[in-house]
């Protein structure tokens, strides 16, 4: 878990502020961003493997659902990156209307993330016992909170 925290603390600001979903990232950063995201995904998977204690049958059923879950969450992550970039680009000239719009977008993005989590609690429940599902989402939420905390610490408050 400590290794994941170090990775998150070092990588998330770079990922969050250097890439947008849908538009091409800066050409000189692209290979690094891809590598950093790959490493972070591998670290998350390692945390899951070391803490879930899945049987072979459970693992065979779990990982395809997990991969679909990560794909859906990545669209939410791309929206978060776009929101952060928009916020950073307009930070010094935010008026009340733009601030309200950014707040509404942030809340909508959080709602979308929560809806995805709720959906996948059901999907994981089809392939794992409820206690395993609860353990997985405990791990997932802990890792996500670390990422959110780091991103939040890097963002200046609205002036």
C-alpha atoms as a PDB file:
ATOM      1  CA  UNK A   1       0.000   0.000   0.000  1.00  0.00           C
ATOM      2  CA  UNK A   2       2.905   2.375   0.713  1.00  0.00           C
ATOM      3  CA  UNK A   3       4.244   1.858  -2.813  1.00  0.00           C
ATOM      4  CA  UNK A   4       0.852   2.751  -4.249  1.00  0.00           C
ATOM      5  CA  UNK A   5       0.742   5.917  -2.139  1.00  0.00           C
ATOM      6  CA  UNK A   6       4.180   6.956  -3.403  1.00  0.00           C
ATOM      7  CA  UNK A   7       3.118   6.281  -7.004  1.00  0.00           C
ATOM      8  CA  UNK A   8      -0.066   8.280  -6.552  1.00  0.00           C
ATOM      9  CA  UNK A   9       1.707  11.188  -4.896  1.00  0.00           C
ATOM     10  CA  UNK A  10       4.271  11.363  -7.669  1.00  0.00           C
ATOM     11  CA  UNK A  11       2.172  10.535 -10.706  1.00  0.00           C
ATOM     12  CA  UNK A  12      -1.349  11.830 -10.350  1.00  0.00           C
ATOM     13  CA  UNK A  13      -0.596  15.555 -10.659  1.00  0.00           C
ATOM     14  CA  UNK A  14       1.342  14.867 -13.845  1.00  0.00           C
ATOM     15  CA  UNK A  15      -1.386  12.670 -15.268  1.00  0.00           C
ATOM     16  CA  UNK A  16      -4.214  14.948 -14.224  1.00  0.00           C
ATOM     17  CA  UNK A  17      -2.682  18.138 -15.535  1.00  0.00           C
ATOM     18  CA  UNK A  18      -1.016  16.785 -18.682  1.00  0.00           C
ATOM     19  CA  UNK A  19      -3.686  14.755 -20.481  1.00  0.00           C
ATOM     20  CA  UNK A  20      -7.245  15.206 -21.588  1.00  0.00           C
ATOM     21  CA  UNK A  21      -9.615  12.496 -22.621  1.00  0.00           C
ATOM     22  CA  UNK A  22     -10.414  12.763 -26.296  1.00  0.00           C
ATOM     23  CA  UNK A  23      -7.710  15.245 -27.285  1.00  0.00           C
ATOM     24  CA  UNK A  24      -4.130  14.336 -27.989  1.00  0.00           C
ATOM     25  CA  UNK A  25      -1.737  15.080 -25.118  1.00  0.00           C
ATOM     26  CA  UNK A  26       1.446  17.033 -25.705  1.00  0.00           C
ATOM     27  CA  UNK A  27       3.570  14.866 -28.028  1.00  0.00           C
ATOM     28  CA  UNK A  28       6.665  14.946 -25.810  1.00  0.00           C
ATOM     29  CA  UNK A  29       4.634  13.826 -22.772  1.00  0.00           C
ATOM     30  CA  UNK A  30       2.485  11.162 -24.381  1.00  0.00           C
ATOM     31  CA  UNK A  31       4.854   8.176 -23.965  1.00  0.00           C
ATOM     32  CA  UNK A  32       5.530   9.157 -20.362  1.00  0.00           C
ATOM     33  CA  UNK A  33       1.861   9.586 -19.520  1.00  0.00           C
ATOM     34  CA  UNK A  34       1.030   6.223 -21.038  1.00  0.00           C
ATOM     35  CA  UNK A  35       3.837   4.616 -19.050  1.00  0.00           C
ATOM     36  CA  UNK A  36       2.808   6.326 -15.813  1.00  0.00           C
ATOM     37  CA  UNK A  37      -0.814   5.297 -16.233  1.00  0.00           C
ATOM     38  CA  UNK A  38       0.262   1.735 -16.982  1.00  0.00           C
ATOM     39  CA  UNK A  39       2.395   1.663 -13.830  1.00  0.00           C
ATOM     40  CA  UNK A  40      -0.409   3.081 -11.713  1.00  0.00           C
ATOM     41  CA  UNK A  41      -2.879   0.511 -13.056  1.00  0.00           C
ATOM     42  CA  UNK A  42      -0.384  -2.258 -12.312  1.00  0.00           C
ATOM     43  CA  UNK A  43       0.096  -0.977  -8.761  1.00  0.00           C
ATOM     44  CA  UNK A  44      -3.666  -0.887  -8.206  1.00  0.00           C
ATOM     45  CA  UNK A  45      -3.988  -4.437  -9.504  1.00  0.00           C
ATOM     46  CA  UNK A  46      -1.150  -5.558  -7.211  1.00  0.00           C
ATOM     47  CA  UNK A  47      -2.942  -4.066  -4.204  1.00  0.00           C
ATOM     48  CA  UNK A  48      -6.106  -5.903  -5.205  1.00  0.00           C
ATOM     49  CA  UNK A  49      -4.298  -9.212  -5.717  1.00  0.00           C
ATOM     50  CA  UNK A  50      -2.488  -8.978  -2.398  1.00  0.00           C
ATOM     51  CA  UNK A  51      -5.609  -8.099  -0.432  1.00  0.00           C
ATOM     52  CA  UNK A  52      -8.478  -9.959  -2.091  1.00  0.00           C
ATOM     53  CA  UNK A  53      -7.209 -13.551  -1.682  1.00  0.00           C
ATOM     54  CA  UNK A  54      -9.292 -14.769  -4.629  1.00  0.00           C
ATOM     55  CA  UNK A  55      -9.492 -18.425  -5.506  1.00  0.00           C
ATOM     56  CA  UNK A  56      -8.640 -19.340  -9.091  1.00  0.00           C
ATOM     57  CA  UNK A  57     -12.331 -19.585  -9.975  1.00  0.00           C
ATOM     58  CA  UNK A  58     -13.086 -16.231  -8.305  1.00  0.00           C
ATOM     59  CA  UNK A  59     -10.137 -14.576 -10.038  1.00  0.00           C
ATOM     60  CA  UNK A  60     -11.255 -15.897 -13.435  1.00  0.00           C
ATOM     61  CA  UNK A  61     -14.690 -14.373 -12.861  1.00  0.00           C
ATOM     62  CA  UNK A  62     -13.441 -11.172 -11.163  1.00  0.00           C
ATOM     63  CA  UNK A  63     -10.875  -9.795 -13.618  1.00  0.00           C
ATOM     64  CA  UNK A  64     -13.127  -9.441 -16.680  1.00  0.00           C
ATOM     65  CA  UNK A  65     -15.654  -7.510 -14.565  1.00  0.00           C
ATOM     66  CA  UNK A  66     -12.824  -5.437 -13.085  1.00  0.00           C
ATOM     67  CA  UNK A  67     -11.508  -4.575 -16.557  1.00  0.00           C
ATOM     68  CA  UNK A  68     -14.965  -3.387 -17.640  1.00  0.00           C
ATOM     69  CA  UNK A  69     -15.271  -1.387 -14.419  1.00  0.00           C
ATOM     70  CA  UNK A  70     -11.921   0.296 -15.043  1.00  0.00           C
ATOM     71  CA  UNK A  71     -12.912   1.156 -18.625  1.00  0.00           C
ATOM     72  CA  UNK A  72     -16.087   2.852 -17.438  1.00  0.00           C
ATOM     73  CA  UNK A  73     -14.268   4.672 -14.659  1.00  0.00           C
ATOM     74  CA  UNK A  74     -11.632   5.880 -17.112  1.00  0.00           C
ATOM     75  CA  UNK A  75     -14.286   7.924 -18.932  1.00  0.00           C
ATOM     76  CA  UNK A  76     -15.132   9.595 -15.617  1.00  0.00           C
ATOM     77  CA  UNK A  77     -11.410  10.150 -15.059  1.00  0.00           C
ATOM     78  CA  UNK A  78     -11.075  11.733 -18.487  1.00  0.00           C
ATOM     79  CA  UNK A  79     -13.926  14.095 -17.618  1.00  0.00           C
ATOM     80  CA  UNK A  80     -12.176  14.965 -14.364  1.00  0.00           C
ATOM     81  CA  UNK A  81      -8.961  15.750 -16.230  1.00  0.00           C
ATOM     82  CA  UNK A  82     -10.873  17.980 -18.655  1.00  0.00           C
ATOM     83  CA  UNK A  83     -12.566  19.741 -15.744  1.00  0.00           C
ATOM     84  CA  UNK A  84      -9.245  20.340 -13.971  1.00  0.00           C
ATOM     85  CA  UNK A  85      -7.670  21.679 -17.143  1.00  0.00           C
ATOM     86  CA  UNK A  86     -10.637  23.982 -17.725  1.00  0.00           C
ATOM     87  CA  UNK A  87     -10.438  25.199 -14.138  1.00  0.00           C
ATOM     88  CA  UNK A  88      -6.699  25.808 -14.381  1.00  0.00           C
ATOM     89  CA  UNK A  89      -7.079  27.671 -17.685  1.00  0.00           C
ATOM     90  CA  UNK A  90      -9.710  30.029 -16.265  1.00  0.00           C
ATOM     91  CA  UNK A  91      -8.593  30.240 -12.645  1.00  0.00           C
ATOM     92  CA  UNK A  92      -7.615  33.907 -12.742  1.00  0.00           C
ATOM     93  CA  UNK A  93     -10.696  35.082 -14.615  1.00  0.00           C
ATOM     94  CA  UNK A  94     -13.518  33.032 -13.109  1.00  0.00           C
ATOM     95  CA  UNK A  95     -16.761  34.919 -12.769  1.00  0.00           C
ATOM     96  CA  UNK A  96     -19.757  33.677 -10.792  1.00  0.00           C
ATOM     97  CA  UNK A  97     -21.360  32.027 -13.834  1.00  0.00           C
ATOM     98  CA  UNK A  98     -18.185  30.093 -14.723  1.00  0.00           C
ATOM     99  CA  UNK A  99     -17.656  29.112 -11.074  1.00  0.00           C
ATOM    100  CA  UNK A 100     -21.222  27.803 -10.877  1.00  0.00           C
ATOM    101  CA  UNK A 101     -20.729  25.890 -14.138  1.00  0.00           C
ATOM    102  CA  UNK A 102     -17.491  24.280 -12.905  1.00  0.00           C
ATOM    103  CA  UNK A 103     -19.154  23.349  -9.619  1.00  0.00           C
ATOM    104  CA  UNK A 104     -22.100  21.767 -11.433  1.00  0.00           C
ATOM    105  CA  UNK A 105     -19.736  19.839 -13.735  1.00  0.00           C
ATOM    106  CA  UNK A 106     -17.703  18.605 -10.759  1.00  0.00           C
ATOM    107  CA  UNK A 107     -20.828  17.393  -8.982  1.00  0.00           C
ATOM    108  CA  UNK A 108     -22.120  15.705 -12.143  1.00  0.00           C
ATOM    109  CA  UNK A 109     -18.774  13.953 -12.569  1.00  0.00           C
ATOM    110  CA  UNK A 110     -18.874  12.725  -8.940  1.00  0.00           C
ATOM    111  CA  UNK A 111     -22.444  11.505  -9.441  1.00  0.00           C
ATOM    112  CA  UNK A 112     -21.364   9.634 -12.572  1.00  0.00           C
ATOM    113  CA  UNK A 113     -18.504   8.012 -10.649  1.00  0.00           C
ATOM    114  CA  UNK A 114     -20.874   7.017  -7.839  1.00  0.00           C
ATOM    115  CA  UNK A 115     -23.387   5.585 -10.334  1.00  0.00           C
ATOM    116  CA  UNK A 116     -20.614   3.524 -11.925  1.00  0.00           C
ATOM    117  CA  UNK A 117     -19.561   2.199  -8.515  1.00  0.00           C
ATOM    118  CA  UNK A 118     -23.162   1.310  -7.625  1.00  0.00           C
ATOM    119  CA  UNK A 119     -23.599  -0.459 -10.950  1.00  0.00           C
ATOM    120  CA  UNK A 120     -20.468  -2.511 -10.443  1.00  0.00           C
ATOM    121  CA  UNK A 121     -21.294  -3.479  -6.882  1.00  0.00           C
ATOM    122  CA  UNK A 122     -24.098  -5.402  -8.532  1.00  0.00           C
ATOM    123  CA  UNK A 123     -21.859  -6.759 -11.290  1.00  0.00           C
ATOM    124  CA  UNK A 124     -19.192  -7.934  -8.845  1.00  0.00           C
ATOM    125  CA  UNK A 125     -21.966  -9.399  -6.695  1.00  0.00           C
ATOM    126  CA  UNK A 126     -22.790 -11.744  -9.557  1.00  0.00           C
ATOM    127  CA  UNK A 127     -19.300 -13.293  -9.448  1.00  0.00           C
ATOM    128  CA  UNK A 128     -18.153 -12.867  -5.817  1.00  0.00           C
ATOM    129  CA  UNK A 129     -19.644 -13.292  -2.353  1.00  0.00           C
ATOM    130  CA  UNK A 130     -20.873 -10.066  -0.731  1.00  0.00           C
ATOM    131  CA  UNK A 131     -17.956  -9.944   1.742  1.00  0.00           C
ATOM    132  CA  UNK A 132     -15.462 -10.094  -1.134  1.00  0.00           C
ATOM    133  CA  UNK A 133     -17.337  -7.335  -2.957  1.00  0.00           C
ATOM    134  CA  UNK A 134     -17.260  -5.206   0.195  1.00  0.00           C
ATOM    135  CA  UNK A 135     -13.501  -5.832   0.591  1.00  0.00           C
ATOM    136  CA  UNK A 136     -12.854  -4.871  -3.024  1.00  0.00           C
ATOM    137  CA  UNK A 137     -14.794  -1.626  -2.745  1.00  0.00           C
ATOM    138  CA  UNK A 138     -13.054  -0.795   0.527  1.00  0.00           C
ATOM    139  CA  UNK A 139      -9.733  -1.086  -1.275  1.00  0.00           C
ATOM    140  CA  UNK A 140     -11.014   0.781  -4.307  1.00  0.00           C
ATOM    141  CA  UNK A 141     -12.409   3.653  -2.253  1.00  0.00           C
ATOM    142  CA  UNK A 142      -9.212   3.938  -0.185  1.00  0.00           C
ATOM    143  CA  UNK A 143      -7.092   4.165  -3.320  1.00  0.00           C
ATOM    144  CA  UNK A 144      -9.473   6.667  -4.924  1.00  0.00           C
ATOM    145  CA  UNK A 145      -9.481   8.847  -1.814  1.00  0.00           C
ATOM    146  CA  UNK A 146      -5.689   8.998  -1.906  1.00  0.00           C
ATOM    147  CA  UNK A 147      -5.804  10.106  -5.531  1.00  0.00           C
ATOM    148  CA  UNK A 148      -8.532  12.670  -4.848  1.00  0.00           C
ATOM    149  CA  UNK A 149      -6.638  14.024  -1.853  1.00  0.00           C
ATOM    150  CA  UNK A 150      -3.476  14.503  -3.888  1.00  0.00           C
ATOM    151  CA  UNK A 151      -5.317  16.207  -6.723  1.00  0.00           C
ATOM    152  CA  UNK A 152      -7.158  18.438  -4.274  1.00  0.00           C
ATOM    153  CA  UNK A 153      -3.916  19.415  -2.580  1.00  0.00           C
ATOM    154  CA  UNK A 154      -2.496  20.545  -5.932  1.00  0.00           C
ATOM    155  CA  UNK A 155      -5.461  22.703  -6.949  1.00  0.00           C
ATOM    156  CA  UNK A 156      -5.641  26.307  -5.760  1.00  0.00           C
ATOM    157  CA  UNK A 157      -8.897  27.506  -4.204  1.00  0.00           C
ATOM    158  CA  UNK A 158     -11.232  29.737  -6.199  1.00  0.00           C
ATOM    159  CA  UNK A 159     -10.365  33.404  -5.648  1.00  0.00           C
END
